Amino acid sequence: VQLQASGGGLVQPGESLRLSCAASGSIDRFNVMSWHRQPPGKQRELVALISSRGNTNYADSVKGRFTISRDNAKNTVSLQMNGLKPEDAAVYYCYAYDLLTRAGYWGQGTQVTVSS
């Protein structure tokens, strides 16, 4: 399975972006799908995850501003990011985990820049 992330770009503080991650195959088998980010010079961190049942979890820093969703019919997982802050700037990666095979898959990353 290949994951293709898109939707990154340059925005001003307070604006919104929607990231999408399209899978080359069915995402039904992925128990967890998530978004991670890696700011310049820092470690990659979990931003949000969603289970196959639709349960979600968010990093404290994005709670109330970001929303993760998955569309199994379209084999996509999205991240709606509102109220963006300069500290949200990073390369964002999508990730999918198959509990049955214990295999994880990373997307290629999409750059988000927040600057006035």
PDB file of N, CA and C in Angstrom:
ATOM      1  N   VAL A   1       0.839  -1.189   0.000  1.00  0.00           N
ATOM      2  CA  VAL A   1       0.000   0.000   0.000  1.00  0.00           C
ATOM      3  C   VAL A   1       0.876   1.241   0.000  1.00  0.00           C
ATOM      4  N   GLN A   2       0.537   2.190  -0.842  1.00  0.00           N
ATOM      5  CA  GLN A   2       1.232   3.475  -0.861  1.00  0.00           C
ATOM      6  C   GLN A   2       0.292   4.565  -0.392  1.00  0.00           C
ATOM      7  N   LEU A   3       0.851   5.495   0.373  1.00  0.00           N
ATOM      8  CA  LEU A   3       0.076   6.613   0.883  1.00  0.00           C
ATOM      9  C   LEU A   3       0.598   7.902   0.251  1.00  0.00           C
ATOM     10  N   GLN A   4      -0.296   8.701  -0.288  1.00  0.00           N
ATOM     11  CA  GLN A   4       0.067   9.937  -0.961  1.00  0.00           C
ATOM     12  C   GLN A   4      -0.568  11.108  -0.224  1.00  0.00           C
ATOM     13  N   ALA A   5       0.263  11.891   0.435  1.00  0.00           N
ATOM     14  CA  ALA A   5      -0.231  13.050   1.172  1.00  0.00           C
ATOM     15  C   ALA A   5      -0.231  14.286   0.283  1.00  0.00           C
ATOM     16  N   SER A   6      -1.210  15.142   0.506  1.00  0.00           N
ATOM     17  CA  SER A   6      -1.300  16.380  -0.270  1.00  0.00           C
ATOM     18  C   SER A   6      -2.024  17.435   0.549  1.00  0.00           C
ATOM     19  N   GLY A   7      -1.992  18.666   0.054  1.00  0.00           N
ATOM     20  CA  GLY A   7      -2.746  19.738   0.682  1.00  0.00           C
ATOM     21  C   GLY A   7      -1.927  20.744   1.460  1.00  0.00           C
ATOM     22  N   GLY A   8      -0.642  20.493   1.581  1.00  0.00           N
ATOM     23  CA  GLY A   8       0.205  21.438   2.301  1.00  0.00           C
ATOM     24  C   GLY A   8       0.367  22.736   1.525  1.00  0.00           C
ATOM     25  N   GLY A   9       0.936  23.724   2.196  1.00  0.00           N
ATOM     26  CA  GLY A   9       1.162  24.994   1.533  1.00  0.00           C
ATOM     27  C   GLY A   9       1.581  26.062   2.510  1.00  0.00           C
ATOM     28  N   LEU A  10       1.582  27.283   2.021  1.00  0.00           N
ATOM     29  CA  LEU A  10       1.939  28.447   2.830  1.00  0.00           C
ATOM     30  C   LEU A  10       0.676  29.214   3.186  1.00  0.00           C
ATOM     31  N   VAL A  11       0.461  29.410   4.474  1.00  0.00           N
ATOM     32  CA  VAL A  11      -0.696  30.170   4.933  1.00  0.00           C
ATOM     33  C   VAL A  11      -0.260  31.154   6.002  1.00  0.00           C
ATOM     34  N   GLN A  12      -1.135  32.110   6.267  1.00  0.00           N
ATOM     35  CA  GLN A  12      -0.875  33.072   7.332  1.00  0.00           C
ATOM     36  C   GLN A  12      -1.462  32.550   8.644  1.00  0.00           C
ATOM     37  N   PRO A  13      -0.945  33.012   9.757  1.00  0.00           N
ATOM     38  CA  PRO A  13      -1.515  32.607  11.045  1.00  0.00           C
ATOM     39  C   PRO A  13      -3.024  32.856  11.089  1.00  0.00           C
ATOM     40  N   GLY A  14      -3.739  31.885  11.636  1.00  0.00           N
ATOM     41  CA  GLY A  14      -5.186  31.977  11.737  1.00  0.00           C
ATOM     42  C   GLY A  14      -5.938  31.345  10.576  1.00  0.00           C
ATOM     43  N   GLU A  15      -5.240  31.071   9.508  1.00  0.00           N
ATOM     44  CA  GLU A  15      -5.895  30.481   8.338  1.00  0.00           C
ATOM     45  C   GLU A  15      -6.006  28.960   8.487  1.00  0.00           C
ATOM     46  N   SER A  16      -6.598  28.350   7.474  1.00  0.00           N
ATOM     47  CA  SER A  16      -6.875  26.909   7.517  1.00  0.00           C
ATOM     48  C   SER A  16      -6.243  26.187   6.329  1.00  0.00           C
ATOM     49  N   LEU A  17      -6.008  24.918   6.545  1.00  0.00           N
ATOM     50  CA  LEU A  17      -5.584  24.009   5.480  1.00  0.00           C
ATOM     51  C   LEU A  17      -6.242  22.668   5.719  1.00  0.00           C
ATOM     52  N   ARG A  18      -6.424  21.945   4.633  1.00  0.00           N
ATOM     53  CA  ARG A  18      -6.939  20.582   4.744  1.00  0.00           C
ATOM     54  C   ARG A  18      -5.957  19.649   4.053  1.00  0.00           C
ATOM     55  N   LEU A  19      -5.395  18.748   4.823  1.00  0.00           N
ATOM     56  CA  LEU A  19      -4.487  17.746   4.287  1.00  0.00           C
ATOM     57  C   LEU A  19      -5.264  16.478   3.967  1.00  0.00           C
ATOM     58  N   SER A  20      -4.873  15.839   2.896  1.00  0.00           N
ATOM     59  CA  SER A  20      -5.480  14.560   2.525  1.00  0.00           C
ATOM     60  C   SER A  20      -4.392  13.523   2.307  1.00  0.00           C
ATOM     61  N   CYS A  21      -4.732  12.313   2.615  1.00  0.00           N
ATOM     62  CA  CYS A  21      -3.822  11.187   2.414  1.00  0.00           C
ATOM     63  C   CYS A  21      -4.601  10.104   1.686  1.00  0.00           C
ATOM     64  N   ALA A  22      -4.204   9.848   0.471  1.00  0.00           N
ATOM     65  CA  ALA A  22      -4.896   8.860  -0.346  1.00  0.00           C
ATOM     66  C   ALA A  22      -4.093   7.572  -0.382  1.00  0.00           C
ATOM     67  N   ALA A  23      -4.776   6.476  -0.131  1.00  0.00           N
ATOM     68  CA  ALA A  23      -4.128   5.160  -0.162  1.00  0.00           C
ATOM     69  C   ALA A  23      -4.341   4.505  -1.517  1.00  0.00           C
ATOM     70  N   SER A  24      -3.355   3.733  -1.929  1.00  0.00           N
ATOM     71  CA  SER A  24      -3.456   3.058  -3.221  1.00  0.00           C
ATOM     72  C   SER A  24      -4.394   1.869  -3.180  1.00  0.00           C
ATOM     73  N   GLY A  25      -4.741   1.426  -1.959  1.00  0.00           N
ATOM     74  CA  GLY A  25      -5.675   0.327  -1.806  1.00  0.00           C
ATOM     75  C   GLY A  25      -6.651   0.610  -0.688  1.00  0.00           C
ATOM     76  N   SER A  26      -7.388  -0.402  -0.330  1.00  0.00           N
ATOM     77  CA  SER A  26      -8.402  -0.229   0.705  1.00  0.00           C
ATOM     78  C   SER A  26      -7.775   0.087   2.056  1.00  0.00           C
ATOM     79  N   ILE A  27      -8.392   1.005   2.772  1.00  0.00           N
ATOM     80  CA  ILE A  27      -7.918   1.329   4.118  1.00  0.00           C
ATOM     81  C   ILE A  27      -8.734   0.617   5.181  1.00  0.00           C
ATOM     82  N   ASP A  28      -9.648  -0.232   4.747  1.00  0.00           N
ATOM     83  CA  ASP A  28     -10.491  -0.943   5.707  1.00  0.00           C
ATOM     84  C   ASP A  28      -9.660  -1.730   6.717  1.00  0.00           C
ATOM     85  N   ARG A  29      -8.522  -2.253   6.263  1.00  0.00           N
ATOM     86  CA  ARG A  29      -7.713  -3.108   7.129  1.00  0.00           C
ATOM     87  C   ARG A  29      -6.845  -2.346   8.120  1.00  0.00           C
ATOM     88  N   PHE A  30      -6.814  -1.037   7.980  1.00  0.00           N
ATOM     89  CA  PHE A  30      -5.950  -0.272   8.857  1.00  0.00           C
ATOM     90  C   PHE A  30      -6.693   0.088  10.134  1.00  0.00           C
ATOM     91  N   ASN A  31      -6.262  -0.495  11.225  1.00  0.00           N
ATOM     92  CA  ASN A  31      -6.909  -0.266  12.505  1.00  0.00           C
ATOM     93  C   ASN A  31      -6.755   1.185  12.956  1.00  0.00           C
ATOM     94  N   VAL A  32      -5.601   1.741  12.636  1.00  0.00           N
ATOM     95  CA  VAL A  32      -5.319   3.113  13.023  1.00  0.00           C
ATOM     96  C   VAL A  32      -4.719   3.851  11.837  1.00  0.00           C
ATOM     97  N   MET A  33      -5.201   5.045  11.618  1.00  0.00           N
ATOM     98  CA  MET A  33      -4.562   5.950  10.665  1.00  0.00           C
ATOM     99  C   MET A  33      -4.284   7.248  11.402  1.00  0.00           C
ATOM    100  N   SER A  34      -3.195   7.858  11.053  1.00  0.00           N
ATOM    101  CA  SER A  34      -2.786   9.011  11.840  1.00  0.00           C
ATOM    102  C   SER A  34      -2.006  10.019  11.010  1.00  0.00           C
ATOM    103  N   TRP A  35      -1.901  11.193  11.580  1.00  0.00           N
ATOM    104  CA  TRP A  35      -1.061  12.246  11.025  1.00  0.00           C
ATOM    105  C   TRP A  35       0.031  12.569  12.050  1.00  0.00           C
ATOM    106  N   HIS A  36       1.206  12.739  11.537  1.00  0.00           N
ATOM    107  CA  HIS A  36       2.352  13.113  12.348  1.00  0.00           C
ATOM    108  C   HIS A  36       3.000  14.328  11.695  1.00  0.00           C
ATOM    109  N   ARG A  37       3.812  15.023  12.458  1.00  0.00           N
ATOM    110  CA  ARG A  37       4.521  16.155  11.871  1.00  0.00           C
ATOM    111  C   ARG A  37       5.936  16.235  12.429  1.00  0.00           C
ATOM    112  N   GLN A  38       6.781  16.820  11.621  1.00  0.00           N
ATOM    113  CA  GLN A  38       8.163  16.986  12.022  1.00  0.00           C
ATOM    114  C   GLN A  38       8.600  18.420  11.729  1.00  0.00           C
ATOM    115  N   PRO A  39       8.651  19.248  12.777  1.00  0.00           N
ATOM    116  CA  PRO A  39       9.134  20.615  12.587  1.00  0.00           C
ATOM    117  C   PRO A  39      10.634  20.607  12.282  1.00  0.00           C
ATOM    118  N   PRO A  40      11.147  21.650  11.698  1.00  0.00           N
ATOM    119  CA  PRO A  40      12.582  21.703  11.391  1.00  0.00           C
ATOM    120  C   PRO A  40      13.430  21.501  12.639  1.00  0.00           C
ATOM    121  N   GLY A  41      14.360  20.574  12.570  1.00  0.00           N
ATOM    122  CA  GLY A  41      15.277  20.338  13.670  1.00  0.00           C
ATOM    123  C   GLY A  41      14.690  19.619  14.861  1.00  0.00           C
ATOM    124  N   LYS A  42      13.469  19.119  14.721  1.00  0.00           N
ATOM    125  CA  LYS A  42      12.823  18.439  15.841  1.00  0.00           C
ATOM    126  C   LYS A  42      12.406  17.035  15.440  1.00  0.00           C
ATOM    127  N   GLN A  43      11.998  16.270  16.434  1.00  0.00           N
ATOM    128  CA  GLN A  43      11.568  14.908  16.178  1.00  0.00           C
ATOM    129  C   GLN A  43      10.136  14.878  15.650  1.00  0.00           C
ATOM    130  N   ARG A  44       9.838  13.817  14.954  1.00  0.00           N
ATOM    131  CA  ARG A  44       8.479  13.625  14.464  1.00  0.00           C
ATOM    132  C   ARG A  44       7.559  13.364  15.648  1.00  0.00           C
ATOM    133  N   GLU A  45       6.365  13.953  15.608  1.00  0.00           N
ATOM    134  CA  GLU A  45       5.418  13.804  16.691  1.00  0.00           C
ATOM    135  C   GLU A  45       4.030  13.478  16.153  1.00  0.00           C
ATOM    136  N   LEU A  46       3.275  12.789  16.991  1.00  0.00           N
ATOM    137  CA  LEU A  46       1.900  12.456  16.636  1.00  0.00           C
ATOM    138  C   LEU A  46       1.025  13.693  16.747  1.00  0.00           C
ATOM    139  N   VAL A  47       0.212  13.923  15.730  1.00  0.00           N
ATOM    140  CA  VAL A  47      -0.721  15.040  15.740  1.00  0.00           C
ATOM    141  C   VAL A  47      -2.136  14.552  16.050  1.00  0.00           C
ATOM    142  N   ALA A  48      -2.572  13.537  15.333  1.00  0.00           N
ATOM    143  CA  ALA A  48      -3.933  13.033  15.512  1.00  0.00           C
ATOM    144  C   ALA A  48      -4.015  11.619  14.964  1.00  0.00           C
ATOM    145  N   LEU A  49      -4.898  10.832  15.543  1.00  0.00           N
ATOM    146  CA  LEU A  49      -5.124   9.495  15.027  1.00  0.00           C
ATOM    147  C   LEU A  49      -6.610   9.185  15.041  1.00  0.00           C
ATOM    148  N   ILE A  50      -6.965   8.242  14.195  1.00  0.00           N
ATOM    149  CA  ILE A  50      -8.352   7.797  14.126  1.00  0.00           C
ATOM    150  C   ILE A  50      -8.371   6.289  13.954  1.00  0.00           C
ATOM    151  N   SER A  51      -9.212   5.644  14.716  1.00  0.00           N
ATOM    152  CA  SER A  51      -9.308   4.187  14.643  1.00  0.00           C
ATOM    153  C   SER A  51     -10.285   3.775  13.552  1.00  0.00           C
ATOM    154  N   SER A  52     -10.336   2.482  13.316  1.00  0.00           N
ATOM    155  CA  SER A  52     -11.270   1.961  12.319  1.00  0.00           C
ATOM    156  C   SER A  52     -12.717   2.190  12.740  1.00  0.00           C
ATOM    157  N   ARG A  53     -12.927   2.402  14.036  1.00  0.00           N
ATOM    158  CA  ARG A  53     -14.279   2.666  14.531  1.00  0.00           C
ATOM    159  C   ARG A  53     -14.604   4.152  14.586  1.00  0.00           C
ATOM    160  N   GLY A  54     -13.612   4.957  14.207  1.00  0.00           N
ATOM    161  CA  GLY A  54     -13.859   6.392  14.201  1.00  0.00           C
ATOM    162  C   GLY A  54     -13.473   7.101  15.481  1.00  0.00           C
ATOM    163  N   ASN A  55     -12.890   6.385  16.424  1.00  0.00           N
ATOM    164  CA  ASN A  55     -12.418   7.034  17.644  1.00  0.00           C
ATOM    165  C   ASN A  55     -11.184   7.869  17.322  1.00  0.00           C
ATOM    166  N   THR A  56     -11.122   9.041  17.892  1.00  0.00           N
ATOM    167  CA  THR A  56     -10.027   9.961  17.578  1.00  0.00           C
ATOM    168  C   THR A  56      -9.252  10.363  18.824  1.00  0.00           C
ATOM    169  N   ASN A  57      -8.041  10.779  18.589  1.00  0.00           N
ATOM    170  CA  ASN A  57      -7.198  11.286  19.668  1.00  0.00           C
ATOM    171  C   ASN A  57      -6.284  12.355  19.072  1.00  0.00           C
ATOM    172  N   TYR A  58      -6.027  13.395  19.861  1.00  0.00           N
ATOM    173  CA  TYR A  58      -5.254  14.523  19.364  1.00  0.00           C
ATOM    174  C   TYR A  58      -4.151  14.910  20.335  1.00  0.00           C
ATOM    175  N   ALA A  59      -3.096  15.454  19.776  1.00  0.00           N
ATOM    176  CA  ALA A  59      -2.081  16.074  20.617  1.00  0.00           C
ATOM    177  C   ALA A  59      -2.705  17.287  21.294  1.00  0.00           C
ATOM    178  N   ASP A  60      -2.298  17.556  22.517  1.00  0.00           N
ATOM    179  CA  ASP A  60      -2.861  18.687  23.254  1.00  0.00           C
ATOM    180  C   ASP A  60      -2.720  19.994  22.491  1.00  0.00           C
ATOM    181  N   SER A  61      -1.637  20.126  21.771  1.00  0.00           N
ATOM    182  CA  SER A  61      -1.346  21.383  21.080  1.00  0.00           C
ATOM    183  C   SER A  61      -2.311  21.688  19.939  1.00  0.00           C
ATOM    184  N   VAL A  62      -3.041  20.670  19.475  1.00  0.00           N
ATOM    185  CA  VAL A  62      -3.948  20.896  18.331  1.00  0.00           C
ATOM    186  C   VAL A  62      -5.408  20.662  18.670  1.00  0.00           C
ATOM    187  N   LYS A  63      -5.688  20.244  19.887  1.00  0.00           N
ATOM    188  CA  LYS A  63      -7.077  19.976  20.281  1.00  0.00           C
ATOM    189  C   LYS A  63      -7.929  21.222  20.095  1.00  0.00           C
ATOM    190  N   GLY A  64      -9.094  21.008  19.493  1.00  0.00           N
ATOM    191  CA  GLY A  64      -9.998  22.124  19.258  1.00  0.00           C
ATOM    192  C   GLY A  64      -9.728  22.881  17.976  1.00  0.00           C
ATOM    193  N   ARG A  65      -8.600  22.595  17.341  1.00  0.00           N
ATOM    194  CA  ARG A  65      -8.265  23.295  16.090  1.00  0.00           C
ATOM    195  C   ARG A  65      -8.184  22.347  14.904  1.00  0.00           C
ATOM    196  N   PHE A  66      -7.736  21.133  15.155  1.00  0.00           N
ATOM    197  CA  PHE A  66      -7.565  20.152  14.078  1.00  0.00           C
ATOM    198  C   PHE A  66      -8.621  19.063  14.203  1.00  0.00           C
ATOM    199  N   THR A  67      -9.030  18.534  13.061  1.00  0.00           N
ATOM    200  CA  THR A  67      -9.986  17.436  13.033  1.00  0.00           C
ATOM    201  C   THR A  67      -9.524  16.388  12.031  1.00  0.00           C
ATOM    202  N   ILE A  68      -9.395  15.162  12.509  1.00  0.00           N
ATOM    203  CA  ILE A  68      -9.022  14.062  11.634  1.00  0.00           C
ATOM    204  C   ILE A  68     -10.267  13.285  11.244  1.00  0.00           C
ATOM    205  N   SER A  69     -10.283  12.823  10.020  1.00  0.00           N
ATOM    206  CA  SER A  69     -11.421  12.023   9.556  1.00  0.00           C
ATOM    207  C   SER A  69     -10.912  11.000   8.545  1.00  0.00           C
ATOM    208  N   ARG A  70     -11.699   9.964   8.361  1.00  0.00           N
ATOM    209  CA  ARG A  70     -11.341   8.954   7.367  1.00  0.00           C
ATOM    210  C   ARG A  70     -12.570   8.598   6.550  1.00  0.00           C
ATOM    211  N   ASP A  71     -12.356   8.357   5.293  1.00  0.00           N
ATOM    212  CA  ASP A  71     -13.425   7.965   4.387  1.00  0.00           C
ATOM    213  C   ASP A  71     -13.012   6.638   3.775  1.00  0.00           C
ATOM    214  N   ASN A  72     -13.542   5.567   4.309  1.00  0.00           N
ATOM    215  CA  ASN A  72     -13.158   4.235   3.839  1.00  0.00           C
ATOM    216  C   ASN A  72     -13.605   3.994   2.396  1.00  0.00           C
ATOM    217  N   ALA A  73     -14.675   4.635   1.991  1.00  0.00           N
ATOM    218  CA  ALA A  73     -15.155   4.458   0.620  1.00  0.00           C
ATOM    219  C   ALA A  73     -14.186   5.074  -0.389  1.00  0.00           C
ATOM    220  N   LYS A  74     -13.534   6.149   0.018  1.00  0.00           N
ATOM    221  CA  LYS A  74     -12.590   6.836  -0.873  1.00  0.00           C
ATOM    222  C   LYS A  74     -11.141   6.506  -0.541  1.00  0.00           C
ATOM    223  N   ASN A  75     -10.954   5.684   0.494  1.00  0.00           N
ATOM    224  CA  ASN A  75      -9.603   5.282   0.903  1.00  0.00           C
ATOM    225  C   ASN A  75      -8.726   6.489   1.222  1.00  0.00           C
ATOM    226  N   THR A  76      -9.295   7.403   1.967  1.00  0.00           N
ATOM    227  CA  THR A  76      -8.553   8.597   2.329  1.00  0.00           C
ATOM    228  C   THR A  76      -8.695   8.908   3.826  1.00  0.00           C
ATOM    229  N   VAL A  77      -7.692   9.570   4.353  1.00  0.00           N
ATOM    230  CA  VAL A  77      -7.751  10.135   5.689  1.00  0.00           C
ATOM    231  C   VAL A  77      -7.361  11.598   5.558  1.00  0.00           C
ATOM    232  N   SER A  78      -8.091  12.456   6.241  1.00  0.00           N
ATOM    233  CA  SER A  78      -7.885  13.890   6.101  1.00  0.00           C
ATOM    234  C   SER A  78      -7.609  14.541   7.446  1.00  0.00           C
ATOM    235  N   LEU A  79      -6.990  15.687   7.370  1.00  0.00           N
ATOM    236  CA  LEU A  79      -6.727  16.478   8.568  1.00  0.00           C
ATOM    237  C   LEU A  79      -7.132  17.911   8.261  1.00  0.00           C
ATOM    238  N   GLN A  80      -8.210  18.346   8.885  1.00  0.00           N
ATOM    239  CA  GLN A  80      -8.647  19.730   8.746  1.00  0.00           C
ATOM    240  C   GLN A  80      -7.949  20.535   9.830  1.00  0.00           C
ATOM    241  N   MET A  81      -7.207  21.542   9.407  1.00  0.00           N
ATOM    242  CA  MET A  81      -6.430  22.338  10.345  1.00  0.00           C
ATOM    243  C   MET A  81      -6.931  23.773  10.308  1.00  0.00           C
ATOM    244  N   ASN A  82      -7.494  24.204  11.405  1.00  0.00           N
ATOM    245  CA  ASN A  82      -8.006  25.565  11.528  1.00  0.00           C
ATOM    246  C   ASN A  82      -7.172  26.347  12.532  1.00  0.00           C
ATOM    247  N   GLY A  83      -7.219  27.641  12.423  1.00  0.00           N
ATOM    248  CA  GLY A  83      -6.492  28.470  13.373  1.00  0.00           C
ATOM    249  C   GLY A  83      -5.013  28.161  13.423  1.00  0.00           C
ATOM    250  N   LEU A  84      -4.411  28.033  12.267  1.00  0.00           N
ATOM    251  CA  LEU A  84      -3.009  27.633  12.227  1.00  0.00           C
ATOM    252  C   LEU A  84      -2.106  28.671  12.884  1.00  0.00           C
ATOM    253  N   LYS A  85      -1.096  28.153  13.543  1.00  0.00           N
ATOM    254  CA  LYS A  85      -0.118  28.979  14.254  1.00  0.00           C
ATOM    255  C   LYS A  85       1.272  28.738  13.656  1.00  0.00           C
ATOM    256  N   PRO A  86       2.175  29.664  13.842  1.00  0.00           N
ATOM    257  CA  PRO A  86       3.536  29.453  13.329  1.00  0.00           C
ATOM    258  C   PRO A  86       4.161  28.156  13.835  1.00  0.00           C
ATOM    259  N   GLU A  87       3.830  27.773  15.052  1.00  0.00           N
ATOM    260  CA  GLU A  87       4.398  26.534  15.599  1.00  0.00           C
ATOM    261  C   GLU A  87       3.808  25.268  14.989  1.00  0.00           C
ATOM    262  N   ASP A  88       2.789  25.413  14.149  1.00  0.00           N
ATOM    263  CA  ASP A  88       2.257  24.259  13.433  1.00  0.00           C
ATOM    264  C   ASP A  88       3.054  23.962  12.168  1.00  0.00           C
ATOM    265  N   ALA A  89       3.956  24.848  11.815  1.00  0.00           N
ATOM    266  CA  ALA A  89       4.747  24.651  10.605  1.00  0.00           C
ATOM    267  C   ALA A  89       5.605  23.399  10.745  1.00  0.00           C
ATOM    268  N   ALA A  90       5.522  22.547   9.743  1.00  0.00           N
ATOM    269  CA  ALA A  90       6.244  21.278   9.784  1.00  0.00           C
ATOM    270  C   ALA A  90       5.986  20.515   8.490  1.00  0.00           C
ATOM    271  N   VAL A  91       6.684  19.423   8.333  1.00  0.00           N
ATOM    272  CA  VAL A  91       6.323  18.459   7.297  1.00  0.00           C
ATOM    273  C   VAL A  91       5.346  17.490   7.941  1.00  0.00           C
ATOM    274  N   TYR A  92       4.212  17.320   7.317  1.00  0.00           N
ATOM    275  CA  TYR A  92       3.166  16.457   7.851  1.00  0.00           C
ATOM    276  C   TYR A  92       3.150  15.130   7.091  1.00  0.00           C
ATOM    277  N   TYR A  93       3.084  14.052   7.862  1.00  0.00           N
ATOM    278  CA  TYR A  93       3.097  12.712   7.301  1.00  0.00           C
ATOM    279  C   TYR A  93       1.848  11.955   7.735  1.00  0.00           C
ATOM    280  N   CYS A  94       1.298  11.200   6.833  1.00  0.00           N
ATOM    281  CA  CYS A  94       0.233  10.292   7.222  1.00  0.00           C
ATOM    282  C   CYS A  94       0.827   8.901   7.450  1.00  0.00           C
ATOM    283  N   TYR A  95       0.130   8.143   8.255  1.00  0.00           N
ATOM    284  CA  TYR A  95       0.605   6.822   8.663  1.00  0.00           C
ATOM    285  C   TYR A  95      -0.579   5.901   8.811  1.00  0.00           C
ATOM    286  N   ALA A  96      -0.374   4.657   8.436  1.00  0.00           N
ATOM    287  CA  ALA A  96      -1.435   3.658   8.565  1.00  0.00           C
ATOM    288  C   ALA A  96      -0.861   2.400   9.196  1.00  0.00           C
ATOM    289  N   TYR A  97      -1.610   1.822  10.104  1.00  0.00           N
ATOM    290  CA  TYR A  97      -1.145   0.627  10.819  1.00  0.00           C
ATOM    291  C   TYR A  97      -2.164  -0.492  10.730  1.00  0.00           C
ATOM    292  N   ASP A  98      -1.652  -1.641  10.333  1.00  0.00           N
ATOM    293  CA  ASP A  98      -2.477  -2.843  10.212  1.00  0.00           C
ATOM    294  C   ASP A  98      -2.170  -3.743  11.396  1.00  0.00           C
ATOM    295  N   LEU A  99      -3.091  -3.825  12.330  1.00  0.00           N
ATOM    296  CA  LEU A  99      -2.863  -4.609  13.548  1.00  0.00           C
ATOM    297  C   LEU A  99      -2.690  -6.093  13.248  1.00  0.00           C
ATOM    298  N   LEU A 100      -3.367  -6.578  12.218  1.00  0.00           N
ATOM    299  CA  LEU A 100      -3.313  -8.002  11.902  1.00  0.00           C
ATOM    300  C   LEU A 100      -1.922  -8.417  11.447  1.00  0.00           C
ATOM    301  N   THR A 101      -1.331  -7.630  10.575  1.00  0.00           N
ATOM    302  CA  THR A 101      -0.008  -7.956  10.053  1.00  0.00           C
ATOM    303  C   THR A 101       1.110  -7.228  10.791  1.00  0.00           C
ATOM    304  N   ARG A 102       0.711  -6.296  11.660  1.00  0.00           N
ATOM    305  CA  ARG A 102       1.670  -5.465  12.401  1.00  0.00           C
ATOM    306  C   ARG A 102       2.572  -4.700  11.455  1.00  0.00           C
ATOM    307  N   ALA A 103       2.000  -4.289  10.343  1.00  0.00           N
ATOM    308  CA  ALA A 103       2.747  -3.519   9.356  1.00  0.00           C
ATOM    309  C   ALA A 103       2.287  -2.070   9.387  1.00  0.00           C
ATOM    310  N   GLY A 104       3.247  -1.175   9.286  1.00  0.00           N
ATOM    311  CA  GLY A 104       2.944   0.244   9.245  1.00  0.00           C
ATOM    312  C   GLY A 104       3.427   0.854   7.944  1.00  0.00           C
ATOM    313  N   TYR A 105       2.729   1.864   7.497  1.00  0.00           N
ATOM    314  CA  TYR A 105       3.043   2.499   6.220  1.00  0.00           C
ATOM    315  C   TYR A 105       3.054   4.018   6.390  1.00  0.00           C
ATOM    316  N   TRP A 106       4.087   4.648   5.856  1.00  0.00           N
ATOM    317  CA  TRP A 106       4.199   6.100   5.908  1.00  0.00           C
ATOM    318  C   TRP A 106       3.956   6.709   4.530  1.00  0.00           C
ATOM    319  N   GLY A 107       3.315   7.867   4.535  1.00  0.00           N
ATOM    320  CA  GLY A 107       3.229   8.667   3.318  1.00  0.00           C
ATOM    321  C   GLY A 107       4.491   9.483   3.165  1.00  0.00           C
ATOM    322  N   GLN A 108       4.588  10.213   2.076  1.00  0.00           N
ATOM    323  CA  GLN A 108       5.839  10.899   1.750  1.00  0.00           C
ATOM    324  C   GLN A 108       5.979  12.260   2.415  1.00  0.00           C
ATOM    325  N   GLY A 109       4.964  12.797   3.000  1.00  0.00           N
ATOM    326  CA  GLY A 109       5.059  14.080   3.673  1.00  0.00           C
ATOM    327  C   GLY A 109       4.614  15.238   2.805  1.00  0.00           C
ATOM    328  N   THR A 110       4.014  16.215   3.458  1.00  0.00           N
ATOM    329  CA  THR A 110       3.606  17.441   2.771  1.00  0.00           C
ATOM    330  C   THR A 110       3.953  18.626   3.674  1.00  0.00           C
ATOM    331  N   GLN A 111       4.516  19.660   3.097  1.00  0.00           N
ATOM    332  CA  GLN A 111       5.029  20.784   3.867  1.00  0.00           C
ATOM    333  C   GLN A 111       3.923  21.778   4.202  1.00  0.00           C
ATOM    334  N   VAL A 112       3.861  22.142   5.464  1.00  0.00           N
ATOM    335  CA  VAL A 112       2.948  23.197   5.916  1.00  0.00           C
ATOM    336  C   VAL A 112       3.796  24.327   6.486  1.00  0.00           C
ATOM    337  N   THR A 113       3.619  25.511   5.937  1.00  0.00           N
ATOM    338  CA  THR A 113       4.333  26.691   6.404  1.00  0.00           C
ATOM    339  C   THR A 113       3.326  27.728   6.858  1.00  0.00           C
ATOM    340  N   VAL A 114       3.521  28.239   8.062  1.00  0.00           N
ATOM    341  CA  VAL A 114       2.615  29.237   8.626  1.00  0.00           C
ATOM    342  C   VAL A 114       3.444  30.478   8.936  1.00  0.00           C
ATOM    343  N   SER A 115       3.201  31.511   8.172  1.00  0.00           N
ATOM    344  CA  SER A 115       4.019  32.707   8.327  1.00  0.00           C
ATOM    345  C   SER A 115       3.265  33.920   7.806  1.00  0.00           C
ATOM    346  N   SER A 116       3.476  35.023   8.490  1.00  0.00           N
ATOM    347  CA  SER A 116       2.872  36.268   8.029  1.00  0.00           C
ATOM    348  C   SER A 116       3.839  37.009   7.108  1.00  0.00           C
TER     349      SER A 116
END
